[in-house]
Structure formats: structure tokens, C-alpha cells
Amino acid sequence: MAATKQQGQSFGLFIVGLTIACAGVYGIGSAVGKVTLAVGLVILVVAFIRFIGLKPLEGEVALGSQSAAMKAIGVLVAAGGWILTLLGLHLASGVAGRMVFAVIGLTVSLIGVLVILPAACNKNAIWK
């Protein structure tokens, strides 16, 4: 959610631009679809420019610096779990084997998201 009126307007503009751009991608085969895509992309660029202009309006960040390496490891573990799940579709031909790969992959992803990433982000948490 937006904290200020300008942030809310920029976010609303971003959502409208994204919706129009998606409609343009859907109808890309026609002239109207191409125009719609172009209009949506222009609105997205305007929204991004407004977002960049809002950054200096924010106050100082309450959190201290977080460990980038630990966050990267958490993201890689989460992505690795999904890759393991997808590879399981190609490595196993039966339903049972694919289910085992899916459960293992989802477990690895959840470890990355629910264990490693919070540990990295809570290292310098504001409440400590």
C-alpha cells in the first residue's frame, strides 16, 4: 500500500499501464493491439519515472544493512527447489516419481523462503 498520495497515484498509474500493456500483448496481431501495447508501455515508463522521483521523499530506512550473500543463497535455494521440481518431470516417467520430485523440490524451496531468507533479513532487524 502507498504511504503518501503521490505513491498511491504512481502505483495506480503503474497498474493501469500494466493492464493496458497486457491487453496490447493479447491483441498484438492487430493494429489496435500494437497501439494498445505502445500506450501501455508509455504509461509504464511514466509510472517508473514517477517512482524514481518519489524515492527522495522517503525517510531513512529503519533496517540496517542486510547480508547480501545470505539473501542470495536463500533466493538460490528457493529457485533451486523449483528447478528440481521441473527437472523431476523429465527425470521420472511415472506419476509416483514425479510426485516425489515435486515434494522434495517444494520442500527445498520452502526451506529457502521460510528458513534462510528470514534468517538473513532478521540479522539486523529493527526490533533487535
C-alpha atoms as a PDB file:
ATOM      1  CA  MET A   1       0.000   0.000   0.000  1.00  0.00           C
ATOM      2  CA  ALA A   2       1.011   3.557  -0.520  1.00  0.00           C
ATOM      3  CA  ALA A   3       2.156   5.752   2.344  1.00  0.00           C
ATOM      4  CA  THR A   4       1.558   9.057   0.548  1.00  0.00           C
ATOM      5  CA  LYS A   5      -0.878  10.352  -2.046  1.00  0.00           C
ATOM      6  CA  GLN A   6       1.877  10.559  -4.689  1.00  0.00           C
ATOM      7  CA  GLN A   7       2.886   6.939  -4.077  1.00  0.00           C
ATOM      8  CA  GLY A   8      -0.727   5.839  -4.426  1.00  0.00           C
ATOM      9  CA  GLN A   9      -1.193   7.756  -7.669  1.00  0.00           C
ATOM     10  CA  SER A  10       2.027   6.341  -9.098  1.00  0.00           C
ATOM     11  CA  PHE A  11       1.052   2.824  -8.113  1.00  0.00           C
ATOM     12  CA  GLY A  12      -2.404   3.279  -9.647  1.00  0.00           C
ATOM     13  CA  LEU A  13      -0.809   4.564 -12.852  1.00  0.00           C
ATOM     14  CA  PHE A  14       1.508   1.545 -12.865  1.00  0.00           C
ATOM     15  CA  ILE A  15      -1.426  -0.883 -12.510  1.00  0.00           C
ATOM     16  CA  VAL A  16      -3.364   0.850 -15.319  1.00  0.00           C
ATOM     17  CA  GLY A  17      -0.302   0.836 -17.590  1.00  0.00           C
ATOM     18  CA  LEU A  18       0.387  -2.813 -16.858  1.00  0.00           C
ATOM     19  CA  THR A  19      -3.218  -3.759 -17.616  1.00  0.00           C
ATOM     20  CA  ILE A  20      -3.215  -1.834 -20.896  1.00  0.00           C
ATOM     21  CA  ALA A  21       0.152  -3.325 -21.892  1.00  0.00           C
ATOM     22  CA  CYS A  22      -1.139  -6.847 -21.184  1.00  0.00           C
ATOM     23  CA  ALA A  23      -4.206  -6.160 -23.305  1.00  0.00           C
ATOM     24  CA  GLY A  24      -1.877  -4.968 -26.064  1.00  0.00           C
ATOM     25  CA  VAL A  25       0.201  -8.157 -25.849  1.00  0.00           C
ATOM     26  CA  TYR A  26      -3.002 -10.178 -26.114  1.00  0.00           C
ATOM     27  CA  GLY A  27      -4.043  -8.389 -29.301  1.00  0.00           C
ATOM     28  CA  ILE A  28      -0.548  -7.908 -30.762  1.00  0.00           C
ATOM     29  CA  GLY A  29      -1.641  -9.388 -34.104  1.00  0.00           C
ATOM     30  CA  SER A  30      -3.862  -6.411 -34.903  1.00  0.00           C
ATOM     31  CA  ALA A  31      -3.104  -2.725 -35.338  1.00  0.00           C
ATOM     32  CA  VAL A  32      -5.230  -1.849 -32.311  1.00  0.00           C
ATOM     33  CA  GLY A  33      -3.243  -4.329 -30.216  1.00  0.00           C
ATOM     34  CA  LYS A  34       0.052  -2.750 -31.245  1.00  0.00           C
ATOM     35  CA  VAL A  35      -1.224   0.732 -30.416  1.00  0.00           C
ATOM     36  CA  THR A  36      -2.589  -0.521 -27.101  1.00  0.00           C
ATOM     37  CA  LEU A  37       0.758  -2.106 -26.256  1.00  0.00           C
ATOM     38  CA  ALA A  38       2.600   1.113 -27.115  1.00  0.00           C
ATOM     39  CA  VAL A  39       0.227   3.198 -24.972  1.00  0.00           C
ATOM     40  CA  GLY A  40       0.581   0.755 -22.073  1.00  0.00           C
ATOM     41  CA  LEU A  41       4.375   0.839 -22.284  1.00  0.00           C
ATOM     42  CA  VAL A  42       4.389   4.650 -22.338  1.00  0.00           C
ATOM     43  CA  ILE A  43       2.194   4.701 -19.221  1.00  0.00           C
ATOM     44  CA  LEU A  44       4.549   2.211 -17.538  1.00  0.00           C
ATOM     45  CA  VAL A  45       7.554   4.407 -18.332  1.00  0.00           C
ATOM     46  CA  VAL A  46       5.750   7.434 -16.875  1.00  0.00           C
ATOM     47  CA  ALA A  47       4.897   5.437 -13.745  1.00  0.00           C
ATOM     48  CA  PHE A  48       8.528   4.331 -13.348  1.00  0.00           C
ATOM     49  CA  ILE A  49       9.755   7.904 -13.746  1.00  0.00           C
ATOM     50  CA  ARG A  50       7.308   8.971 -11.043  1.00  0.00           C
ATOM     51  CA  PHE A  51       8.505   6.124  -8.807  1.00  0.00           C
ATOM     52  CA  ILE A  52      12.104   7.267  -9.193  1.00  0.00           C
ATOM     53  CA  GLY A  53      11.068  10.819  -8.348  1.00  0.00           C
ATOM     54  CA  LEU A  54       9.375   9.607  -5.160  1.00  0.00           C
ATOM     55  CA  LYS A  55      12.425   7.841  -3.782  1.00  0.00           C
ATOM     56  CA  PRO A  56      13.987  11.016  -2.285  1.00  0.00           C
ATOM     57  CA  LEU A  57      10.703  11.719  -0.474  1.00  0.00           C
ATOM     58  CA  GLU A  58      11.097   8.609   1.643  1.00  0.00           C
ATOM     59  CA  GLY A  59      12.680   8.806   5.042  1.00  0.00           C
ATOM     60  CA  GLU A  60      15.676   6.943   6.323  1.00  0.00           C
ATOM     61  CA  VAL A  61      15.369   3.163   6.229  1.00  0.00           C
ATOM     62  CA  ALA A  62      14.831   1.695   9.691  1.00  0.00           C
ATOM     63  CA  LEU A  63      16.688  -1.533   8.995  1.00  0.00           C
ATOM     64  CA  GLY A  64      20.436  -1.814   9.000  1.00  0.00           C
ATOM     65  CA  SER A  65      22.326  -3.339   6.123  1.00  0.00           C
ATOM     66  CA  GLN A  66      21.466  -6.954   5.462  1.00  0.00           C
ATOM     67  CA  SER A  67      23.830  -9.696   4.356  1.00  0.00           C
ATOM     68  CA  ALA A  68      23.607  -9.782   0.560  1.00  0.00           C
ATOM     69  CA  ALA A  69      25.334 -13.154   0.349  1.00  0.00           C
ATOM     70  CA  MET A  70      22.871 -14.798   2.728  1.00  0.00           C
ATOM     71  CA  LYS A  71      19.898 -13.334   0.856  1.00  0.00           C
ATOM     72  CA  ALA A  72      21.370 -14.536  -2.440  1.00  0.00           C
ATOM     73  CA  ILE A  73      21.794 -18.035  -1.016  1.00  0.00           C
ATOM     74  CA  GLY A  74      18.160 -18.040   0.132  1.00  0.00           C
ATOM     75  CA  VAL A  75      16.941 -16.967  -3.294  1.00  0.00           C
ATOM     76  CA  LEU A  76      19.149 -19.569  -5.000  1.00  0.00           C
ATOM     77  CA  VAL A  77      17.870 -22.323  -2.706  1.00  0.00           C
ATOM     78  CA  ALA A  78      14.259 -21.297  -3.399  1.00  0.00           C
ATOM     79  CA  ALA A  79      14.871 -21.203  -7.156  1.00  0.00           C
ATOM     80  CA  GLY A  80      16.803 -24.477  -6.975  1.00  0.00           C
ATOM     81  CA  GLY A  81      13.802 -26.170  -5.407  1.00  0.00           C
ATOM     82  CA  TRP A  82      11.614 -25.099  -8.302  1.00  0.00           C
ATOM     83  CA  ILE A  83      14.239 -26.226 -10.807  1.00  0.00           C
ATOM     84  CA  LEU A  84      14.381 -29.600  -9.041  1.00  0.00           C
ATOM     85  CA  THR A  85      10.608 -29.856  -9.334  1.00  0.00           C
ATOM     86  CA  LEU A  86      10.718 -29.066 -13.042  1.00  0.00           C
ATOM     87  CA  LEU A  87      13.613 -31.454 -13.675  1.00  0.00           C
ATOM     88  CA  GLY A  88      11.631 -34.165 -11.938  1.00  0.00           C
ATOM     89  CA  LEU A  89       9.105 -34.008 -14.766  1.00  0.00           C
ATOM     90  CA  HIS A  90      11.835 -35.008 -17.199  1.00  0.00           C
ATOM     91  CA  LEU A  91      13.728 -37.447 -14.995  1.00  0.00           C
ATOM     92  CA  ALA A  92      10.771 -39.526 -13.825  1.00  0.00           C
ATOM     93  CA  SER A  93       8.255 -41.080 -16.180  1.00  0.00           C
ATOM     94  CA  GLY A  94       5.748 -42.291 -13.596  1.00  0.00           C
ATOM     95  CA  VAL A  95       3.358 -40.281 -11.505  1.00  0.00           C
ATOM     96  CA  ALA A  96       4.832 -41.507  -8.223  1.00  0.00           C
ATOM     97  CA  GLY A  97       8.353 -40.458  -9.181  1.00  0.00           C
ATOM     98  CA  ARG A  98       7.169 -37.056 -10.308  1.00  0.00           C
ATOM     99  CA  MET A  99       5.272 -36.576  -7.064  1.00  0.00           C
ATOM    100  CA  VAL A 100       8.401 -37.417  -5.067  1.00  0.00           C
ATOM    101  CA  PHE A 101      10.431 -34.875  -7.060  1.00  0.00           C
ATOM    102  CA  ALA A 102       7.664 -32.299  -6.608  1.00  0.00           C
ATOM    103  CA  VAL A 103       7.516 -32.778  -2.836  1.00  0.00           C
ATOM    104  CA  ILE A 104      11.310 -32.657  -2.499  1.00  0.00           C
ATOM    105  CA  GLY A 105      11.544 -29.571  -4.712  1.00  0.00           C
ATOM    106  CA  LEU A 106       8.798 -27.758  -2.831  1.00  0.00           C
ATOM    107  CA  THR A 107      10.439 -28.662   0.479  1.00  0.00           C
ATOM    108  CA  VAL A 108      13.766 -27.244  -0.698  1.00  0.00           C
ATOM    109  CA  SER A 109      12.007 -24.064  -1.881  1.00  0.00           C
ATOM    110  CA  LEU A 110      10.199 -23.652   1.418  1.00  0.00           C
ATOM    111  CA  ILE A 111      13.470 -24.060   3.318  1.00  0.00           C
ATOM    112  CA  GLY A 112      14.920 -21.246   1.234  1.00  0.00           C
ATOM    113  CA  VAL A 113      11.910 -18.999   1.734  1.00  0.00           C
ATOM    114  CA  LEU A 114      10.951 -19.799   5.333  1.00  0.00           C
ATOM    115  CA  VAL A 115      14.347 -20.534   6.914  1.00  0.00           C
ATOM    116  CA  ILE A 116      17.264 -18.970   5.052  1.00  0.00           C
ATOM    117  CA  LEU A 117      15.714 -15.687   3.871  1.00  0.00           C
ATOM    118  CA  PRO A 118      14.165 -14.734   7.234  1.00  0.00           C
ATOM    119  CA  ALA A 119      17.444 -15.542   8.975  1.00  0.00           C
ATOM    120  CA  ALA A 120      19.257 -13.215   6.587  1.00  0.00           C
ATOM    121  CA  CYS A 121      16.711 -10.419   6.932  1.00  0.00           C
ATOM    122  CA  ASN A 122      16.318 -10.673  10.701  1.00  0.00           C
ATOM    123  CA  LYS A 123      20.043 -10.402  11.367  1.00  0.00           C
ATOM    124  CA  ASN A 124      19.854  -6.610  11.724  1.00  0.00           C
ATOM    125  CA  ALA A 125      16.124  -6.305  12.409  1.00  0.00           C
ATOM    126  CA  ILE A 126      14.709  -3.113  13.893  1.00  0.00           C
ATOM    127  CA  TRP A 127      13.328  -4.895  16.976  1.00  0.00           C
ATOM    128  CA  LYS A 128      16.711  -6.342  17.998  1.00  0.00           C
END
